Protein backbone atom coordinates (compact mmCIF):
# COMPACT_ATOMS: atom_id res chain seq x y z
CA MET A 1 29.43 125.25 -79.61
CA PRO A 2 28.43 122.70 -81.33
CA ILE A 3 30.89 119.84 -82.51
CA GLU A 4 30.39 118.70 -85.76
CA ILE A 5 31.05 115.14 -86.99
CA PRO A 6 33.77 115.74 -90.04
CA ASP A 7 32.88 113.69 -93.01
CA ASP A 8 35.75 111.40 -92.44
CA TYR A 9 34.69 110.19 -89.22
CA ALA A 10 33.34 106.71 -90.70
CA TYR A 11 37.21 105.88 -91.14
CA VAL A 12 37.29 106.52 -87.10
CA ILE A 13 33.88 104.44 -86.58
CA ALA A 14 35.71 101.81 -88.60
CA ALA A 15 38.85 101.45 -86.87
CA ALA A 16 37.23 101.48 -83.77
CA GLY A 17 35.17 98.46 -84.66
CA ALA A 18 38.72 96.58 -86.11
CA THR A 19 39.70 96.77 -82.22
CA MET A 20 37.76 94.07 -81.76
CA PHE A 21 39.69 91.97 -83.68
CA PRO A 22 42.39 91.50 -80.98
CA LEU A 23 40.19 91.02 -78.54
CA PHE A 24 38.57 88.07 -80.51
CA TYR A 25 41.89 86.56 -81.12
CA GLY A 26 42.70 86.88 -77.40
CA VAL A 27 39.72 84.81 -76.45
CA VAL A 28 40.37 82.04 -78.88
CA ARG A 29 43.67 81.81 -77.76
CA VAL A 30 42.60 81.59 -74.26
CA MET A 31 40.12 79.04 -75.04
CA ARG A 32 42.22 76.84 -76.83
CA ALA A 33 44.87 77.45 -73.95
CA ARG A 34 42.39 76.26 -71.17
CA LYS A 35 41.41 72.95 -73.58
CA GLU A 36 45.29 72.21 -74.11
CA TYR A 37 46.41 72.72 -70.39
CA GLY A 38 43.40 71.51 -68.71
CA VAL A 39 42.22 75.04 -66.84
CA GLU A 40 38.89 75.26 -65.68
CA TYR A 41 36.48 78.05 -65.49
CA PRO A 42 36.29 79.90 -63.05
CA ASN A 43 39.74 79.93 -62.48
CA LEU A 44 41.33 82.86 -64.54
CA TYR A 45 44.44 81.58 -64.05
CA ALA A 46 46.39 78.21 -63.56
CA PRO A 47 46.46 76.80 -60.60
CA ALA A 48 49.55 77.59 -58.83
CA ASP A 49 50.65 73.28 -58.96
CA SER A 50 50.02 73.39 -62.61
CA LYS A 51 52.93 72.28 -64.50
CA HIS A 52 51.30 74.53 -67.54
CA LYS A 53 51.26 77.33 -64.90
CA LYS A 54 53.60 79.78 -67.09
CA ALA A 55 52.16 78.89 -70.62
CA PHE A 56 48.67 79.43 -69.68
CA ASP A 57 49.08 82.54 -67.23
CA CYS A 58 51.01 83.96 -70.70
CA VAL A 59 48.46 83.36 -73.15
CA GLN A 60 45.79 84.72 -70.42
CA ARG A 61 47.81 87.79 -69.37
CA GLY A 62 47.96 88.93 -73.15
CA HIS A 63 44.44 88.77 -73.88
CA GLN A 64 43.77 90.56 -70.22
CA ASN A 65 46.50 93.57 -70.54
CA THR A 66 44.54 93.76 -73.82
CA LEU A 67 41.39 94.00 -72.20
CA GLU A 68 42.66 96.43 -69.40
CA ASN A 69 43.94 99.29 -72.20
CA TYR A 70 40.87 98.58 -74.96
CA ALA A 71 38.44 101.18 -73.31
CA PRO A 72 40.51 103.98 -72.73
CA THR A 73 42.33 103.50 -76.16
CA VAL A 74 39.05 103.59 -78.22
CA MET A 75 37.81 106.27 -76.34
CA CYS A 76 40.54 108.42 -77.07
CA GLY A 77 40.42 107.49 -80.49
CA LEU A 78 36.85 108.41 -81.03
CA MET A 79 37.51 111.85 -78.98
CA SER A 80 40.46 112.54 -80.80
CA GLY A 81 38.78 111.60 -84.19
CA LEU A 82 36.72 114.31 -83.88
CA ALA A 83 39.37 116.79 -84.94
CA TYR A 84 41.72 114.64 -86.48
CA PRO A 85 39.97 111.98 -88.19
CA SER A 86 42.53 110.14 -90.73
CA ALA A 87 45.35 110.29 -87.68
CA SER A 88 42.86 108.59 -85.47
CA ALA A 89 41.55 106.15 -87.41
CA ALA A 90 45.27 105.36 -88.60
CA LEU A 91 46.48 104.98 -84.87
CA LEU A 92 43.70 102.96 -83.99
CA THR A 93 44.55 100.33 -86.53
CA VAL A 94 48.32 100.86 -85.45
CA TRP A 95 47.18 99.76 -81.84
CA SER A 96 44.92 96.75 -83.09
CA VAL A 97 47.87 95.16 -85.27
CA GLY A 98 50.00 95.71 -82.27
CA ARG A 99 48.11 94.39 -79.67
CA VAL A 100 47.33 90.89 -82.25
CA ALA A 101 51.39 90.74 -82.32
CA TYR A 102 51.47 91.29 -78.77
CA ILE A 103 48.95 88.58 -77.63
CA HIS A 104 50.89 86.46 -80.23
CA GLY A 105 53.73 86.73 -78.61
CA TYR A 106 53.11 86.81 -75.09
CA ALA A 107 51.19 83.01 -75.88
CA LYS A 108 54.48 81.70 -76.87
CA GLY A 109 55.15 81.09 -73.09
CA ASP A 110 57.84 83.71 -72.45
CA PRO A 111 56.85 87.45 -71.30
CA ARG A 112 59.49 88.92 -73.35
CA GLY A 113 57.69 87.59 -76.99
CA ARG A 114 55.20 90.61 -76.11
CA SER A 115 57.66 93.22 -76.53
CA THR A 116 57.53 93.88 -80.64
CA GLY A 117 53.89 94.00 -80.19
CA ALA A 118 54.15 96.15 -77.11
CA MET A 119 56.23 98.52 -78.80
CA VAL A 120 53.99 98.54 -81.87
CA SER A 121 50.71 99.18 -79.67
CA HIS A 122 52.17 102.27 -78.05
CA LEU A 123 53.18 103.48 -81.29
CA GLY A 124 48.95 104.03 -81.81
CA ASP A 125 47.62 104.59 -78.02
CA LEU A 126 50.65 106.70 -76.79
CA PRO A 127 49.88 109.66 -79.65
CA LEU A 128 46.08 108.71 -79.31
CA PHE A 129 46.43 110.10 -75.72
CA PHE A 130 47.87 113.23 -76.64
CA MET A 131 45.74 113.85 -79.50
CA THR A 132 42.63 113.76 -77.29
CA PHE A 133 43.79 116.58 -75.27
CA ALA A 134 45.04 118.66 -78.65
CA ALA A 135 41.94 117.85 -80.05
CA ALA A 136 39.87 119.02 -76.82
CA TRP A 137 42.03 122.58 -77.28
CA THR A 138 40.82 122.57 -80.75
CA LEU A 139 37.54 122.31 -80.47
CA MET A 140 37.38 125.17 -78.00
CA ALA A 141 38.87 127.12 -80.18
């Protein structure tokens, strides 16, 4: 059975493109933190003896965690979008907004600051995960 691309799949493509905004935001935050806290490349995290270790590492973890979740989330959005384009586009957008909030909250230097952004981003990624299987079922029918 051939897979047809829905007319409104362009929204999925646009939302997938918008997922780059949290990545760019994270990069900017990490670059600023590197300069502010003196963490040189190739160190991914601040050295153990740095007085700014927790502050820098929180900025870096917010960005890294977003990168760790990026590919699976976008793939679920692109795949589920073949059956549910509007919902998939909306959920990718929710995920993107949540990830910006996650990075912003984490970068304040306290891991608890990521909680709101985590909840919002999971309102996007968890439904996308399940919708991917629902899309597969729908497309097999």
